[in-house]
Amino acid sequence: MIYALGFLFGSILMHEEGRNKLNISTIILVITLFTEGIYLIGMIGPCLQALAEAQVAIKEVFRLIDETNGTDDNETKVWQDSDNENTTVDFNGDICFDNVTFEYPTRHHTTVLQNLTFVARAGETTALVGSSGSGRFIKE
């Protein structure tokens, strides 16, 4: 549609008196620029959608970071007793998942994990693998 209107309007301008500097290459250039511009404007929509989803997700991440009620007393004590900024604390142990249910904040009706129970042993590799295209998680 853009091409048809562009060539029609361009040919009218070419045949008008006093417009002898307008040639077919200029018309093709202008049509191509308009087409690319419209394409780029169309690409903004998915980017804005991804940005909106990221804003929702980052609010949840910051909420989890700010949450202090679920921390282990020993872990808190180690961090408070640390007098050196460069102190590294190595926590070793198993991670137990007990009846974990998870769904993404932006997709409330799609349950990704439901009543998942397993133990990820320290020093072992544990992987959750789904069908193709569902994403992967590997814990080492």
N, C-alpha and C. Protein backbone atom coordinates (compact mmCIF):
# COMPACT_ATOMS: atom_id res chain seq x y z
N MET A 1 0.82 -1.18 0.00
CA MET A 1 0.00 0.00 0.00
C MET A 1 0.88 1.26 0.00
N ILE A 2 1.92 1.23 0.86
CA ILE A 2 2.82 2.38 0.91
C ILE A 2 3.53 2.56 -0.43
N TYR A 3 3.94 1.43 -1.01
CA TYR A 3 4.64 1.51 -2.30
C TYR A 3 3.73 2.10 -3.38
N ALA A 4 2.50 1.63 -3.43
CA ALA A 4 1.57 2.11 -4.46
C ALA A 4 1.31 3.60 -4.32
N LEU A 5 1.02 4.02 -3.09
CA LEU A 5 0.77 5.45 -2.87
C LEU A 5 2.03 6.28 -3.13
N GLY A 6 3.17 5.75 -2.74
CA GLY A 6 4.43 6.46 -2.95
C GLY A 6 4.74 6.65 -4.42
N PHE A 7 4.59 5.58 -5.20
CA PHE A 7 4.87 5.70 -6.63
C PHE A 7 3.84 6.58 -7.33
N LEU A 8 2.58 6.51 -6.91
CA LEU A 8 1.55 7.36 -7.49
C LEU A 8 1.84 8.83 -7.21
N PHE A 9 2.08 9.15 -5.97
CA PHE A 9 2.37 10.53 -5.60
C PHE A 9 3.68 11.01 -6.24
N GLY A 10 4.69 10.14 -6.27
CA GLY A 10 5.96 10.49 -6.89
C GLY A 10 5.83 10.75 -8.38
N SER A 11 5.04 9.93 -9.07
CA SER A 11 4.88 10.14 -10.52
C SER A 11 4.12 11.44 -10.80
N ILE A 12 3.16 11.77 -9.94
CA ILE A 12 2.45 13.05 -10.11
C ILE A 12 3.42 14.21 -9.94
N LEU A 13 4.29 14.12 -8.92
CA LEU A 13 5.27 15.19 -8.70
C LEU A 13 6.29 15.27 -9.83
N MET A 14 6.65 14.13 -10.42
CA MET A 14 7.62 14.12 -11.52
C MET A 14 7.07 14.84 -12.75
N HIS A 15 5.77 14.71 -13.00
CA HIS A 15 5.18 15.27 -14.21
C HIS A 15 4.70 16.70 -14.04
N GLU A 16 4.71 17.22 -12.82
CA GLU A 16 4.34 18.62 -12.63
C GLU A 16 5.43 19.51 -13.22
N GLU A 17 5.02 20.65 -13.67
CA GLU A 17 5.99 21.59 -14.22
C GLU A 17 6.84 22.17 -13.09
N GLY A 18 8.12 22.38 -13.38
CA GLY A 18 9.02 22.97 -12.41
C GLY A 18 9.64 21.97 -11.45
N ARG A 19 9.33 20.70 -11.59
CA ARG A 19 9.88 19.67 -10.70
C ARG A 19 10.80 18.75 -11.50
N ASN A 20 11.63 19.28 -12.33
CA ASN A 20 12.46 18.45 -13.20
C ASN A 20 13.63 17.80 -12.46
N LYS A 21 13.91 18.19 -11.21
CA LYS A 21 15.01 17.58 -10.46
C LYS A 21 14.58 16.28 -9.77
N LEU A 22 13.31 15.99 -9.75
CA LEU A 22 12.80 14.78 -9.11
C LEU A 22 12.88 13.61 -10.09
N ASN A 23 13.61 12.56 -9.70
CA ASN A 23 13.72 11.39 -10.57
C ASN A 23 13.30 10.13 -9.80
N ILE A 24 13.32 8.99 -10.47
CA ILE A 24 12.83 7.74 -9.88
C ILE A 24 13.66 7.30 -8.67
N SER A 25 14.97 7.56 -8.70
CA SER A 25 15.81 7.15 -7.56
C SER A 25 15.44 7.92 -6.30
N THR A 26 15.08 9.18 -6.43
CA THR A 26 14.65 9.97 -5.28
C THR A 26 13.33 9.44 -4.73
N ILE A 27 12.43 9.08 -5.62
CA ILE A 27 11.14 8.53 -5.19
C ILE A 27 11.34 7.21 -4.44
N ILE A 28 12.19 6.33 -4.98
CA ILE A 28 12.46 5.05 -4.32
C ILE A 28 13.11 5.28 -2.96
N LEU A 29 14.01 6.24 -2.87
CA LEU A 29 14.66 6.55 -1.60
C LEU A 29 13.65 7.01 -0.56
N VAL A 30 12.76 7.91 -0.94
CA VAL A 30 11.75 8.42 -0.01
C VAL A 30 10.80 7.30 0.43
N ILE A 31 10.37 6.47 -0.51
CA ILE A 31 9.47 5.36 -0.17
C ILE A 31 10.16 4.39 0.79
N THR A 32 11.43 4.08 0.53
CA THR A 32 12.17 3.17 1.40
C THR A 32 12.32 3.76 2.80
N LEU A 33 12.61 5.05 2.90
CA LEU A 33 12.74 5.69 4.21
C LEU A 33 11.42 5.65 4.98
N PHE A 34 10.31 5.92 4.30
CA PHE A 34 9.01 5.85 4.96
C PHE A 34 8.71 4.43 5.43
N THR A 35 8.99 3.45 4.59
CA THR A 35 8.73 2.05 4.94
C THR A 35 9.55 1.64 6.16
N GLU A 36 10.84 1.96 6.15
CA GLU A 36 11.70 1.62 7.29
C GLU A 36 11.25 2.35 8.55
N GLY A 37 10.84 3.59 8.41
CA GLY A 37 10.37 4.36 9.57
C GLY A 37 9.13 3.74 10.19
N ILE A 38 8.20 3.33 9.35
CA ILE A 38 6.98 2.69 9.85
C ILE A 38 7.32 1.36 10.51
N TYR A 39 8.25 0.61 9.93
CA TYR A 39 8.68 -0.67 10.52
C TYR A 39 9.29 -0.45 11.90
N LEU A 40 10.15 0.56 12.04
CA LEU A 40 10.78 0.83 13.33
C LEU A 40 9.77 1.28 14.37
N ILE A 41 8.80 2.07 13.97
CA ILE A 41 7.74 2.48 14.90
C ILE A 41 6.95 1.26 15.37
N GLY A 42 6.72 0.31 14.46
CA GLY A 42 6.02 -0.92 14.83
C GLY A 42 6.81 -1.79 15.80
N MET A 43 8.12 -1.67 15.78
CA MET A 43 8.96 -2.46 16.68
C MET A 43 8.98 -1.91 18.11
N ILE A 44 8.51 -0.70 18.30
CA ILE A 44 8.50 -0.09 19.63
C ILE A 44 7.49 -0.80 20.54
N GLY A 45 6.38 -1.27 20.01
CA GLY A 45 5.33 -1.90 20.81
C GLY A 45 5.82 -3.05 21.66
N PRO A 46 6.46 -4.08 21.07
CA PRO A 46 6.96 -5.19 21.89
C PRO A 46 8.00 -4.75 22.92
N CYS A 47 8.79 -3.73 22.59
CA CYS A 47 9.78 -3.24 23.55
C CYS A 47 9.09 -2.60 24.75
N LEU A 48 8.04 -1.85 24.51
CA LEU A 48 7.30 -1.23 25.61
C LEU A 48 6.61 -2.29 26.46
N GLN A 49 6.12 -3.36 25.83
CA GLN A 49 5.50 -4.44 26.59
C GLN A 49 6.53 -5.13 27.48
N ALA A 50 7.71 -5.39 26.94
CA ALA A 50 8.77 -6.02 27.73
C ALA A 50 9.20 -5.12 28.88
N LEU A 51 9.24 -3.83 28.64
CA LEU A 51 9.60 -2.89 29.69
C LEU A 51 8.56 -2.89 30.81
N ALA A 52 7.29 -2.94 30.46
CA ALA A 52 6.23 -2.99 31.47
C ALA A 52 6.31 -4.27 32.29
N GLU A 53 6.58 -5.41 31.64
CA GLU A 53 6.72 -6.67 32.36
C GLU A 53 7.94 -6.64 33.27
N ALA A 54 9.01 -6.01 32.81
CA ALA A 54 10.22 -5.92 33.63
C ALA A 54 9.98 -5.06 34.86
N GLN A 55 9.20 -4.01 34.74
CA GLN A 55 8.90 -3.16 35.89
C GLN A 55 8.12 -3.94 36.95
N VAL A 56 7.19 -4.77 36.53
CA VAL A 56 6.45 -5.60 37.48
C VAL A 56 7.39 -6.58 38.17
N ALA A 57 8.26 -7.20 37.38
CA ALA A 57 9.18 -8.20 37.94
C ALA A 57 10.18 -7.56 38.90
N ILE A 58 10.69 -6.39 38.58
CA ILE A 58 11.70 -5.77 39.44
C ILE A 58 11.10 -5.35 40.78
N LYS A 59 9.82 -5.00 40.80
CA LYS A 59 9.17 -4.68 42.07
C LYS A 59 9.18 -5.90 42.98
N GLU A 60 8.92 -7.08 42.41
CA GLU A 60 8.95 -8.31 43.20
C GLU A 60 10.36 -8.62 43.69
N VAL A 61 11.35 -8.39 42.84
CA VAL A 61 12.74 -8.64 43.23
C VAL A 61 13.13 -7.73 44.38
N PHE A 62 12.81 -6.45 44.29
CA PHE A 62 13.14 -5.52 45.37
C PHE A 62 12.38 -5.86 46.64
N ARG A 63 11.15 -6.34 46.51
CA ARG A 63 10.39 -6.74 47.69
C ARG A 63 11.09 -7.89 48.39
N LEU A 64 11.60 -8.85 47.62
CA LEU A 64 12.32 -9.98 48.22
C LEU A 64 13.63 -9.53 48.85
N ILE A 65 14.31 -8.59 48.23
CA ILE A 65 15.56 -8.10 48.79
C ILE A 65 15.31 -7.38 50.11
N ASP A 66 14.26 -6.59 50.17
CA ASP A 66 13.95 -5.83 51.38
C ASP A 66 13.37 -6.69 52.50
N GLU A 67 12.88 -7.85 52.16
CA GLU A 67 12.24 -8.72 53.15
C GLU A 67 13.30 -9.28 54.09
N THR A 68 13.10 -9.12 55.40
CA THR A 68 14.09 -9.61 56.36
C THR A 68 13.53 -10.66 57.30
N ASN A 69 12.24 -10.88 57.30
CA ASN A 69 11.64 -11.81 58.26
C ASN A 69 12.05 -13.25 58.05
N GLY A 70 12.38 -13.63 56.83
CA GLY A 70 12.67 -15.03 56.55
C GLY A 70 14.14 -15.40 56.67
N THR A 71 15.01 -14.50 57.15
CA THR A 71 16.43 -14.83 57.20
C THR A 71 16.73 -15.71 58.40
N ASP A 72 17.72 -16.54 58.24
CA ASP A 72 18.17 -17.43 59.30
C ASP A 72 18.95 -16.60 60.33
N ASP A 73 18.75 -16.87 61.63
CA ASP A 73 19.44 -16.12 62.68
C ASP A 73 20.95 -16.25 62.56
N ASN A 74 21.43 -17.44 62.25
CA ASN A 74 22.87 -17.64 62.13
C ASN A 74 23.45 -16.81 60.98
N GLU A 75 22.74 -16.78 59.88
CA GLU A 75 23.20 -16.01 58.73
C GLU A 75 23.24 -14.52 59.08
N THR A 76 22.20 -14.02 59.74
CA THR A 76 22.15 -12.62 60.14
C THR A 76 23.27 -12.30 61.11
N LYS A 77 23.51 -13.18 62.06
CA LYS A 77 24.55 -12.96 63.06
C LYS A 77 25.93 -12.91 62.40
N VAL A 78 26.18 -13.77 61.44
CA VAL A 78 27.47 -13.77 60.75
C VAL A 78 27.69 -12.45 60.04
N TRP A 79 26.67 -11.95 59.38
CA TRP A 79 26.82 -10.69 58.66
C TRP A 79 26.99 -9.52 59.63
N GLN A 80 26.28 -9.52 60.75
CA GLN A 80 26.40 -8.43 61.71
C GLN A 80 27.75 -8.46 62.43
N ASP A 81 28.29 -9.65 62.69
CA ASP A 81 29.57 -9.78 63.39
C ASP A 81 30.75 -9.50 62.49
N SER A 82 30.54 -9.44 61.20
CA SER A 82 31.64 -9.23 60.27
C SER A 82 32.15 -7.80 60.39
N ASP A 83 33.46 -7.66 60.70
CA ASP A 83 34.03 -6.33 60.84
C ASP A 83 34.79 -5.90 59.59
N ASN A 84 34.91 -6.78 58.61
CA ASN A 84 35.65 -6.49 57.40
C ASN A 84 34.68 -6.50 56.22
N GLU A 85 34.74 -5.47 55.38
CA GLU A 85 33.83 -5.41 54.22
C GLU A 85 34.08 -6.53 53.23
N ASN A 86 35.30 -7.03 53.18
CA ASN A 86 35.67 -8.04 52.18
C ASN A 86 35.52 -9.46 52.70
N THR A 87 34.89 -9.65 53.83
CA THR A 87 34.71 -10.99 54.38
C THR A 87 33.76 -11.78 53.49
N THR A 88 34.17 -12.97 53.14
CA THR A 88 33.28 -13.86 52.39
C THR A 88 32.79 -14.94 53.33
N VAL A 89 31.54 -15.25 53.21
CA VAL A 89 30.93 -16.28 54.04
C VAL A 89 30.51 -17.40 53.12
N ASP A 90 30.94 -18.60 53.44
CA ASP A 90 30.64 -19.76 52.61
C ASP A 90 29.61 -20.62 53.32
N PHE A 91 28.40 -20.61 52.82
CA PHE A 91 27.34 -21.43 53.39
C PHE A 91 27.26 -22.71 52.59
N ASN A 92 27.47 -23.82 53.23
CA ASN A 92 27.36 -25.12 52.57
C ASN A 92 26.20 -25.88 53.19
N GLY A 93 25.49 -26.56 52.36
CA GLY A 93 24.38 -27.35 52.87
C GLY A 93 23.40 -27.67 51.77
N ASP A 94 22.49 -28.54 52.09
CA ASP A 94 21.46 -28.92 51.14
C ASP A 94 20.39 -27.84 51.07
N ILE A 95 19.73 -27.78 49.93
CA ILE A 95 18.59 -26.88 49.75
C ILE A 95 17.36 -27.75 49.56
N CYS A 96 16.39 -27.56 50.43
CA CYS A 96 15.18 -28.40 50.41
C CYS A 96 14.00 -27.57 49.87
N PHE A 97 13.37 -28.09 48.84
CA PHE A 97 12.15 -27.51 48.30
C PHE A 97 11.00 -28.40 48.74
N ASP A 98 10.04 -27.82 49.45
CA ASP A 98 8.94 -28.62 49.99
C ASP A 98 7.61 -28.02 49.51
N ASN A 99 6.95 -28.74 48.61
CA ASN A 99 5.66 -28.32 48.04
C ASN A 99 5.71 -26.89 47.48
N VAL A 100 6.70 -26.62 46.64
CA VAL A 100 6.87 -25.30 46.05
C VAL A 100 5.94 -25.15 44.85
N THR A 101 5.20 -24.07 44.83
CA THR A 101 4.35 -23.72 43.69
C THR A 101 4.80 -22.34 43.22
N PHE A 102 4.96 -22.19 41.91
CA PHE A 102 5.47 -20.92 41.36
C PHE A 102 4.73 -20.56 40.09
N GLU A 103 4.42 -19.27 39.98
CA GLU A 103 3.90 -18.72 38.73
C GLU A 103 4.50 -17.32 38.57
N TYR A 104 4.73 -16.92 37.32
CA TYR A 104 5.33 -15.62 37.06
C TYR A 104 4.32 -14.52 37.39
N PRO A 105 4.79 -13.39 37.92
CA PRO A 105 3.87 -12.30 38.29
C PRO A 105 3.07 -11.76 37.10
N THR A 106 3.65 -11.85 35.91
CA THR A 106 2.94 -11.31 34.74
C THR A 106 2.01 -12.33 34.10
N ARG A 107 2.09 -13.59 34.54
CA ARG A 107 1.22 -14.65 34.00
C ARG A 107 0.58 -15.41 35.16
N HIS A 108 -0.40 -14.78 35.80
CA HIS A 108 -0.98 -15.34 37.01
C HIS A 108 -1.74 -16.65 36.79
N HIS A 109 -2.17 -16.91 35.59
CA HIS A 109 -2.98 -18.10 35.35
C HIS A 109 -2.16 -19.28 34.84
N THR A 110 -0.85 -19.10 34.72
CA THR A 110 0.01 -20.18 34.25
C THR A 110 0.92 -20.61 35.38
N THR A 111 0.66 -21.79 35.94
CA THR A 111 1.49 -22.31 37.02
C THR A 111 2.67 -23.04 36.42
N VAL A 112 3.88 -22.60 36.77
CA VAL A 112 5.10 -23.19 36.23
C VAL A 112 5.50 -24.40 37.05
N LEU A 113 5.48 -24.27 38.36
CA LEU A 113 5.78 -25.38 39.27
C LEU A 113 4.60 -25.55 40.21
N GLN A 114 4.22 -26.79 40.46
CA GLN A 114 3.10 -27.03 41.36
C GLN A 114 3.44 -28.18 42.29
N ASN A 115 3.46 -27.87 43.59
CA ASN A 115 3.74 -28.85 44.65
C ASN A 115 5.03 -29.62 44.38
N LEU A 116 6.09 -28.91 44.02
CA LEU A 116 7.38 -29.52 43.73
C LEU A 116 8.14 -29.73 45.03
N THR A 117 8.60 -30.95 45.25
CA THR A 117 9.37 -31.29 46.44
C THR A 117 10.61 -32.05 46.02
N PHE A 118 11.79 -31.54 46.39
CA PHE A 118 13.04 -32.24 46.16
C PHE A 118 14.13 -31.60 47.01
N VAL A 119 15.26 -32.30 47.12
CA VAL A 119 16.41 -31.79 47.86
C VAL A 119 17.58 -31.66 46.89
N ALA A 120 18.16 -30.47 46.84
CA ALA A 120 19.36 -30.24 46.04
C ALA A 120 20.54 -30.41 47.00
N ARG A 121 21.27 -31.48 46.83
CA ARG A 121 22.38 -31.81 47.73
C ARG A 121 23.59 -30.91 47.46
N ALA A 122 24.29 -30.54 48.51
CA ALA A 122 25.49 -29.72 48.38
C ALA A 122 26.55 -30.48 47.60
N GLY A 123 27.18 -29.82 46.65
CA GLY A 123 28.24 -30.44 45.86
C GLY A 123 27.75 -31.23 44.67
N GLU A 124 26.46 -31.38 44.52
CA GLU A 124 25.89 -32.11 43.38
C GLU A 124 25.22 -31.11 42.44
N THR A 125 25.08 -31.52 41.19
CA THR A 125 24.39 -30.69 40.21
C THR A 125 22.93 -31.13 40.15
N THR A 126 22.05 -30.16 40.27
CA THR A 126 20.61 -30.44 40.21
C THR A 126 20.03 -29.61 39.07
N ALA A 127 19.22 -30.23 38.24
CA ALA A 127 18.65 -29.52 37.09
C ALA A 127 17.16 -29.76 37.02
N LEU A 128 16.42 -28.70 36.71
CA LEU A 128 15.00 -28.81 36.37
C LEU A 128 14.90 -28.59 34.88
N VAL A 129 14.41 -29.57 34.16
CA VAL A 129 14.37 -29.49 32.70
C VAL A 129 12.92 -29.63 32.26
N GLY A 130 12.49 -28.68 31.42
CA GLY A 130 11.13 -28.72 30.90
C GLY A 130 11.14 -29.03 29.42
N SER A 131 9.99 -28.89 28.82
CA SER A 131 9.89 -29.14 27.39
C SER A 131 10.61 -28.05 26.62
N SER A 132 10.83 -28.27 25.36
CA SER A 132 11.57 -27.33 24.52
C SER A 132 10.91 -25.96 24.54
N GLY A 133 11.72 -24.93 24.80
CA GLY A 133 11.21 -23.57 24.83
C GLY A 133 10.66 -23.13 26.16
N SER A 134 10.72 -23.98 27.18
CA SER A 134 10.15 -23.62 28.48
C SER A 134 11.17 -22.99 29.40
N GLY A 135 12.43 -22.91 29.00
CA GLY A 135 13.47 -22.33 29.86
C GLY A 135 14.14 -23.41 30.68
N ARG A 136 15.30 -23.11 31.16
CA ARG A 136 16.06 -24.10 31.91
C ARG A 136 16.59 -23.49 33.19
N PHE A 137 16.85 -24.35 34.19
CA PHE A 137 17.45 -23.95 35.45
C PHE A 137 18.50 -24.98 35.80
N ILE A 138 19.72 -24.54 36.06
CA ILE A 138 20.77 -25.46 36.49
C ILE A 138 21.40 -24.89 37.74
N LYS A 139 21.51 -25.71 38.78
CA LYS A 139 22.13 -25.31 40.04
C LYS A 139 23.32 -26.20 40.26
N GLU A 140 24.51 -25.60 40.41
CA GLU A 140 25.70 -26.41 40.68
C GLU A 140 26.19 -26.16 42.07
